[in-house]
Amino acid sequence: MRLLLMSDTHVPARGRRVPEALWRAVDEADVVVHAGDWVGVELLDELAARARRLVGVYGNNDGPALRARLPEVARETLAGVRLAVVHETGAAAGRERRCAARYPDTDVLVFGHSHIPWDSVAPGGPRLLNPGSPTDRRRQPTHTWMTARIAGASLEDVRLHHLES
């Protein structure tokens, strides 16, 4: 099972459009995960129509229309991997400890908010992944998103993809 992880698209506010390379990745993925801050409901509609399966949450910049359609936390089991998705996890300091306590029955936690890519494993807890942003890099050198694969009830081949601005 092929996963595409993205967050913080902020379309059409800060990000004008989703890059074509990311749309190609959407077309290749079995499951697309969006960890919030969509900003415009149009992107949700477009991803829902184009993705084979979409798992998403709302973020702090998402208004009532998005909050009416998306949860704050999404939980799915994908090919034996227990996935949770949330927008915010708080400060980087202590993140692994907090997330292990808050998501004890989770193998992988996808989050966003900071626009900073992150990949770590909480001791005794989930693998934490932040794909950064494909449209609003802030202080990062490139726009980013992640892909991964699930095989044998295990997350494999996690890759951070870079797109020059």
C-alpha atoms as a PDB file:
ATOM      1  CA  MET A   1       0.000   0.000   0.000  1.00  0.00           C
ATOM      2  CA  ARG A   2       1.453   3.351  -1.096  1.00  0.00           C
ATOM      3  CA  LEU A   3       0.919   6.405   1.123  1.00  0.00           C
ATOM      4  CA  LEU A   4       1.269  10.092   0.339  1.00  0.00           C
ATOM      5  CA  LEU A   5       1.603  12.422   3.338  1.00  0.00           C
ATOM      6  CA  MET A   6       1.082  16.178   3.116  1.00  0.00           C
ATOM      7  CA  SER A   7       0.122  19.066   5.345  1.00  0.00           C
ATOM      8  CA  ASP A   8      -0.124  22.836   5.519  1.00  0.00           C
ATOM      9  CA  THR A   9      -1.104  23.481   1.928  1.00  0.00           C
ATOM     10  CA  HIS A  10      -2.779  26.828   2.773  1.00  0.00           C
ATOM     11  CA  VAL A  11      -4.396  26.954  -0.687  1.00  0.00           C
ATOM     12  CA  PRO A  12      -5.275  29.552  -1.939  1.00  0.00           C
ATOM     13  CA  ALA A  13      -3.964  31.832   0.843  1.00  0.00           C
ATOM     14  CA  ARG A  14      -0.195  31.248   1.073  1.00  0.00           C
ATOM     15  CA  GLY A  15       0.039  28.444  -1.461  1.00  0.00           C
ATOM     16  CA  ARG A  16      -1.482  29.412  -4.793  1.00  0.00           C
ATOM     17  CA  ARG A  17      -1.750  25.876  -6.149  1.00  0.00           C
ATOM     18  CA  VAL A  18      -0.616  22.344  -5.500  1.00  0.00           C
ATOM     19  CA  PRO A  19       2.527  21.521  -7.515  1.00  0.00           C
ATOM     20  CA  GLU A  20       2.074  19.152 -10.453  1.00  0.00           C
ATOM     21  CA  ALA A  21       4.664  16.757  -8.951  1.00  0.00           C
ATOM     22  CA  LEU A  22       2.424  16.386  -5.906  1.00  0.00           C
ATOM     23  CA  TRP A  23      -0.650  15.718  -8.077  1.00  0.00           C
ATOM     24  CA  ARG A  24       1.320  12.933  -9.784  1.00  0.00           C
ATOM     25  CA  ALA A  25       2.084  11.493  -6.345  1.00  0.00           C
ATOM     26  CA  VAL A  26      -1.640  11.700  -5.475  1.00  0.00           C
ATOM     27  CA  ASP A  27      -2.425   9.676  -8.594  1.00  0.00           C
ATOM     28  CA  GLU A  28       0.133   7.003  -7.611  1.00  0.00           C
ATOM     29  CA  ALA A  29      -0.926   6.688  -3.951  1.00  0.00           C
ATOM     30  CA  ASP A  30      -3.390   4.209  -2.520  1.00  0.00           C
ATOM     31  CA  VAL A  31      -4.021   6.519   0.447  1.00  0.00           C
ATOM     32  CA  VAL A  32      -3.501  10.283   0.669  1.00  0.00           C
ATOM     33  CA  VAL A  33      -3.091  11.747   4.163  1.00  0.00           C
ATOM     34  CA  HIS A  34      -3.497  15.496   4.787  1.00  0.00           C
ATOM     35  CA  ALA A  35      -2.630  16.758   8.282  1.00  0.00           C
ATOM     36  CA  GLY A  36      -4.575  20.012   8.168  1.00  0.00           C
ATOM     37  CA  ASP A  37      -4.379  23.680   7.250  1.00  0.00           C
ATOM     38  CA  TRP A  38      -6.063  23.245   3.894  1.00  0.00           C
ATOM     39  CA  VAL A  39      -7.523  26.797   4.173  1.00  0.00           C
ATOM     40  CA  GLY A  40      -9.846  26.454   1.146  1.00  0.00           C
ATOM     41  CA  VAL A  41     -12.525  23.784   0.891  1.00  0.00           C
ATOM     42  CA  GLU A  42     -11.884  23.532  -2.864  1.00  0.00           C
ATOM     43  CA  LEU A  43      -8.661  21.575  -2.282  1.00  0.00           C
ATOM     44  CA  LEU A  44     -10.501  19.115  -0.049  1.00  0.00           C
ATOM     45  CA  ASP A  45     -13.062  18.589  -2.815  1.00  0.00           C
ATOM     46  CA  GLU A  46     -10.362  18.163  -5.454  1.00  0.00           C
ATOM     47  CA  LEU A  47      -8.331  15.696  -3.377  1.00  0.00           C
ATOM     48  CA  ALA A  48     -11.445  13.753  -2.379  1.00  0.00           C
ATOM     49  CA  ALA A  49     -12.371  13.390  -6.054  1.00  0.00           C
ATOM     50  CA  ARG A  50      -8.882  12.471  -7.226  1.00  0.00           C
ATOM     51  CA  ALA A  51      -7.441  10.310  -4.413  1.00  0.00           C
ATOM     52  CA  ARG A  52      -8.287   6.621  -4.184  1.00  0.00           C
ATOM     53  CA  ARG A  53      -8.686   7.110  -0.426  1.00  0.00           C
ATOM     54  CA  LEU A  54      -8.297  10.318   1.579  1.00  0.00           C
ATOM     55  CA  VAL A  55      -7.645  10.658   5.310  1.00  0.00           C
ATOM     56  CA  GLY A  56      -7.595  14.226   6.568  1.00  0.00           C
ATOM     57  CA  VAL A  57      -8.015  16.486   9.576  1.00  0.00           C
ATOM     58  CA  TYR A  58      -8.591  20.186  10.039  1.00  0.00           C
ATOM     59  CA  GLY A  59      -5.903  22.587  11.218  1.00  0.00           C
ATOM     60  CA  ASN A  60      -5.849  25.840  13.139  1.00  0.00           C
ATOM     61  CA  ASN A  61      -6.249  27.895   9.923  1.00  0.00           C
ATOM     62  CA  ASP A  62      -9.255  25.935   8.692  1.00  0.00           C
ATOM     63  CA  GLY A  63     -12.641  27.586   9.023  1.00  0.00           C
ATOM     64  CA  PRO A  64     -16.148  26.280   9.723  1.00  0.00           C
ATOM     65  CA  ALA A  65     -16.698  24.708   6.288  1.00  0.00           C
ATOM     66  CA  LEU A  66     -13.639  22.468   6.654  1.00  0.00           C
ATOM     67  CA  ARG A  67     -14.237  21.761  10.353  1.00  0.00           C
ATOM     68  CA  ALA A  68     -17.759  20.586   9.488  1.00  0.00           C
ATOM     69  CA  ARG A  69     -16.325  17.945   7.134  1.00  0.00           C
ATOM     70  CA  LEU A  70     -13.087  16.892   8.835  1.00  0.00           C
ATOM     71  CA  PRO A  71     -12.231  15.619  12.328  1.00  0.00           C
ATOM     72  CA  GLU A  72      -9.611  17.087  14.650  1.00  0.00           C
ATOM     73  CA  VAL A  73      -8.011  13.628  14.899  1.00  0.00           C
ATOM     74  CA  ALA A  74      -8.406  10.836  12.347  1.00  0.00           C
ATOM     75  CA  ARG A  75      -7.623   7.210  13.134  1.00  0.00           C
ATOM     76  CA  GLU A  76      -7.395   4.459  10.535  1.00  0.00           C
ATOM     77  CA  THR A  77      -5.922   1.000  10.388  1.00  0.00           C
ATOM     78  CA  LEU A  78      -4.216   0.550   7.032  1.00  0.00           C
ATOM     79  CA  ALA A  79      -3.015  -2.952   6.186  1.00  0.00           C
ATOM     80  CA  GLY A  80      -2.384  -3.614   9.874  1.00  0.00           C
ATOM     81  CA  VAL A  81      -0.699  -0.267  10.650  1.00  0.00           C
ATOM     82  CA  ARG A  82      -2.562   1.879  13.199  1.00  0.00           C
ATOM     83  CA  LEU A  83      -2.429   5.437  11.873  1.00  0.00           C
ATOM     84  CA  ALA A  84      -3.446   8.635  13.618  1.00  0.00           C
ATOM     85  CA  VAL A  85      -3.481  12.083  12.016  1.00  0.00           C
ATOM     86  CA  VAL A  86      -3.619  15.410  13.863  1.00  0.00           C
ATOM     87  CA  HIS A  87      -2.574  18.922  12.955  1.00  0.00           C
ATOM     88  CA  GLU A  88      -0.789  20.132  16.083  1.00  0.00           C
ATOM     89  CA  THR A  89       1.418  18.264  18.555  1.00  0.00           C
ATOM     90  CA  GLY A  90       2.888  21.224  20.450  1.00  0.00           C
ATOM     91  CA  ALA A  91       6.520  22.265  20.830  1.00  0.00           C
ATOM     92  CA  ALA A  92       9.320  20.110  19.469  1.00  0.00           C
ATOM     93  CA  ALA A  93      10.800  19.717  22.955  1.00  0.00           C
ATOM     94  CA  GLY A  94       9.103  16.737  24.584  1.00  0.00           C
ATOM     95  CA  ARG A  95       7.082  15.882  21.479  1.00  0.00           C
ATOM     96  CA  GLU A  96       7.881  12.152  21.502  1.00  0.00           C
ATOM     97  CA  ARG A  97       6.909  11.763  25.170  1.00  0.00           C
ATOM     98  CA  ARG A  98       3.655  13.730  24.781  1.00  0.00           C
ATOM     99  CA  CYS A  99       2.607  11.885  21.633  1.00  0.00           C
ATOM    100  CA  ALA A 100       3.406   8.454  23.092  1.00  0.00           C
ATOM    101  CA  ALA A 101       1.131   9.286  26.038  1.00  0.00           C
ATOM    102  CA  ARG A 102      -1.653  10.805  23.932  1.00  0.00           C
ATOM    103  CA  TYR A 103      -1.622   8.154  21.165  1.00  0.00           C
ATOM    104  CA  PRO A 104      -0.716   4.894  22.946  1.00  0.00           C
ATOM    105  CA  ASP A 105      -2.482   2.614  20.443  1.00  0.00           C
ATOM    106  CA  THR A 106      -0.870   4.181  17.387  1.00  0.00           C
ATOM    107  CA  ASP A 107       1.956   2.910  15.204  1.00  0.00           C
ATOM    108  CA  VAL A 108       2.319   6.064  13.073  1.00  0.00           C
ATOM    109  CA  LEU A 109       1.276   9.627  13.892  1.00  0.00           C
ATOM    110  CA  VAL A 110       1.187  12.112  11.008  1.00  0.00           C
ATOM    111  CA  PHE A 111       1.075  15.770  12.020  1.00  0.00           C
ATOM    112  CA  GLY A 112       1.656  19.213  10.567  1.00  0.00           C
ATOM    113  CA  HIS A 113       1.495  22.828  11.754  1.00  0.00           C
ATOM    114  CA  SER A 114       5.209  23.717  11.865  1.00  0.00           C
ATOM    115  CA  HIS A 115       5.913  23.297   8.114  1.00  0.00           C
ATOM    116  CA  ILE A 116       9.143  21.602   9.268  1.00  0.00           C
ATOM    117  CA  PRO A 117       9.701  17.997   8.183  1.00  0.00           C
ATOM    118  CA  TRP A 118      10.050  15.601  11.102  1.00  0.00           C
ATOM    119  CA  ASP A 119      10.714  11.877  11.400  1.00  0.00           C
ATOM    120  CA  SER A 120      11.304  10.330  14.812  1.00  0.00           C
ATOM    121  CA  VAL A 121      10.178   7.411  16.925  1.00  0.00           C
ATOM    122  CA  ALA A 122       8.816   7.918  20.420  1.00  0.00           C
ATOM    123  CA  PRO A 123      10.284   5.456  22.942  1.00  0.00           C
ATOM    124  CA  GLY A 124       7.571   2.839  23.359  1.00  0.00           C
ATOM    125  CA  GLY A 125       5.282   4.917  21.175  1.00  0.00           C
ATOM    126  CA  PRO A 126       4.500   5.816  17.571  1.00  0.00           C
ATOM    127  CA  ARG A 127       6.678   6.907  14.698  1.00  0.00           C
ATOM    128  CA  LEU A 128       6.088  10.639  14.270  1.00  0.00           C
ATOM    129  CA  LEU A 129       6.027  12.076  10.754  1.00  0.00           C
ATOM    130  CA  ASN A 130       5.561  15.668   9.630  1.00  0.00           C
ATOM    131  CA  PRO A 131       5.756  16.011   5.837  1.00  0.00           C
ATOM    132  CA  GLY A 132       6.373  19.780   5.938  1.00  0.00           C
ATOM    133  CA  SER A 133       4.510  21.814   3.328  1.00  0.00           C
ATOM    134  CA  PRO A 134       4.390  21.394  -0.453  1.00  0.00           C
ATOM    135  CA  THR A 135       3.256  25.001  -0.943  1.00  0.00           C
ATOM    136  CA  ASP A 136       4.445  27.168   2.001  1.00  0.00           C
ATOM    137  CA  ARG A 137       8.018  26.319   2.956  1.00  0.00           C
ATOM    138  CA  ARG A 138       8.451  29.195   5.420  1.00  0.00           C
ATOM    139  CA  ARG A 139      12.085  29.040   6.562  1.00  0.00           C
ATOM    140  CA  GLN A 140      12.767  25.645   4.991  1.00  0.00           C
ATOM    141  CA  PRO A 141      14.999  25.450   1.902  1.00  0.00           C
ATOM    142  CA  THR A 142      12.404  23.546  -0.154  1.00  0.00           C
ATOM    143  CA  HIS A 143       8.735  22.625  -0.312  1.00  0.00           C
ATOM    144  CA  THR A 144       8.232  19.062   0.947  1.00  0.00           C
ATOM    145  CA  TRP A 145       5.911  16.073   1.272  1.00  0.00           C
ATOM    146  CA  MET A 146       6.442  12.417   2.158  1.00  0.00           C
ATOM    147  CA  THR A 147       5.690   9.047   0.682  1.00  0.00           C
ATOM    148  CA  ALA A 148       5.785   5.685   2.432  1.00  0.00           C
ATOM    149  CA  ARG A 149       4.769   2.113   1.875  1.00  0.00           C
ATOM    150  CA  ILE A 150       2.986  -0.363   4.107  1.00  0.00           C
ATOM    151  CA  ALA A 151       3.982  -3.985   3.667  1.00  0.00           C
ATOM    152  CA  GLY A 152       3.503  -6.857   6.067  1.00  0.00           C
ATOM    153  CA  ALA A 153       1.764  -4.587   8.620  1.00  0.00           C
ATOM    154  CA  SER A 154       4.878  -2.412   8.752  1.00  0.00           C
ATOM    155  CA  LEU A 155       5.666   1.111   7.560  1.00  0.00           C
ATOM    156  CA  GLU A 156       8.574   1.077   5.110  1.00  0.00           C
ATOM    157  CA  ASP A 157      10.405   3.295   2.644  1.00  0.00           C
ATOM    158  CA  VAL A 158       9.516   6.646   4.243  1.00  0.00           C
ATOM    159  CA  ARG A 159      10.844   9.300   1.879  1.00  0.00           C
ATOM    160  CA  LEU A 160      10.884  13.071   2.135  1.00  0.00           C
ATOM    161  CA  HIS A 161      10.409  14.697  -1.277  1.00  0.00           C
ATOM    162  CA  HIS A 162      11.761  18.164  -2.048  1.00  0.00           C
ATOM    163  CA  LEU A 163      10.543  20.657  -4.605  1.00  0.00           C
ATOM    164  CA  GLU A 164      12.620  23.761  -5.203  1.00  0.00           C
ATOM    165  CA  SER A 165      10.654  26.972  -4.887  1.00  0.00           C
END
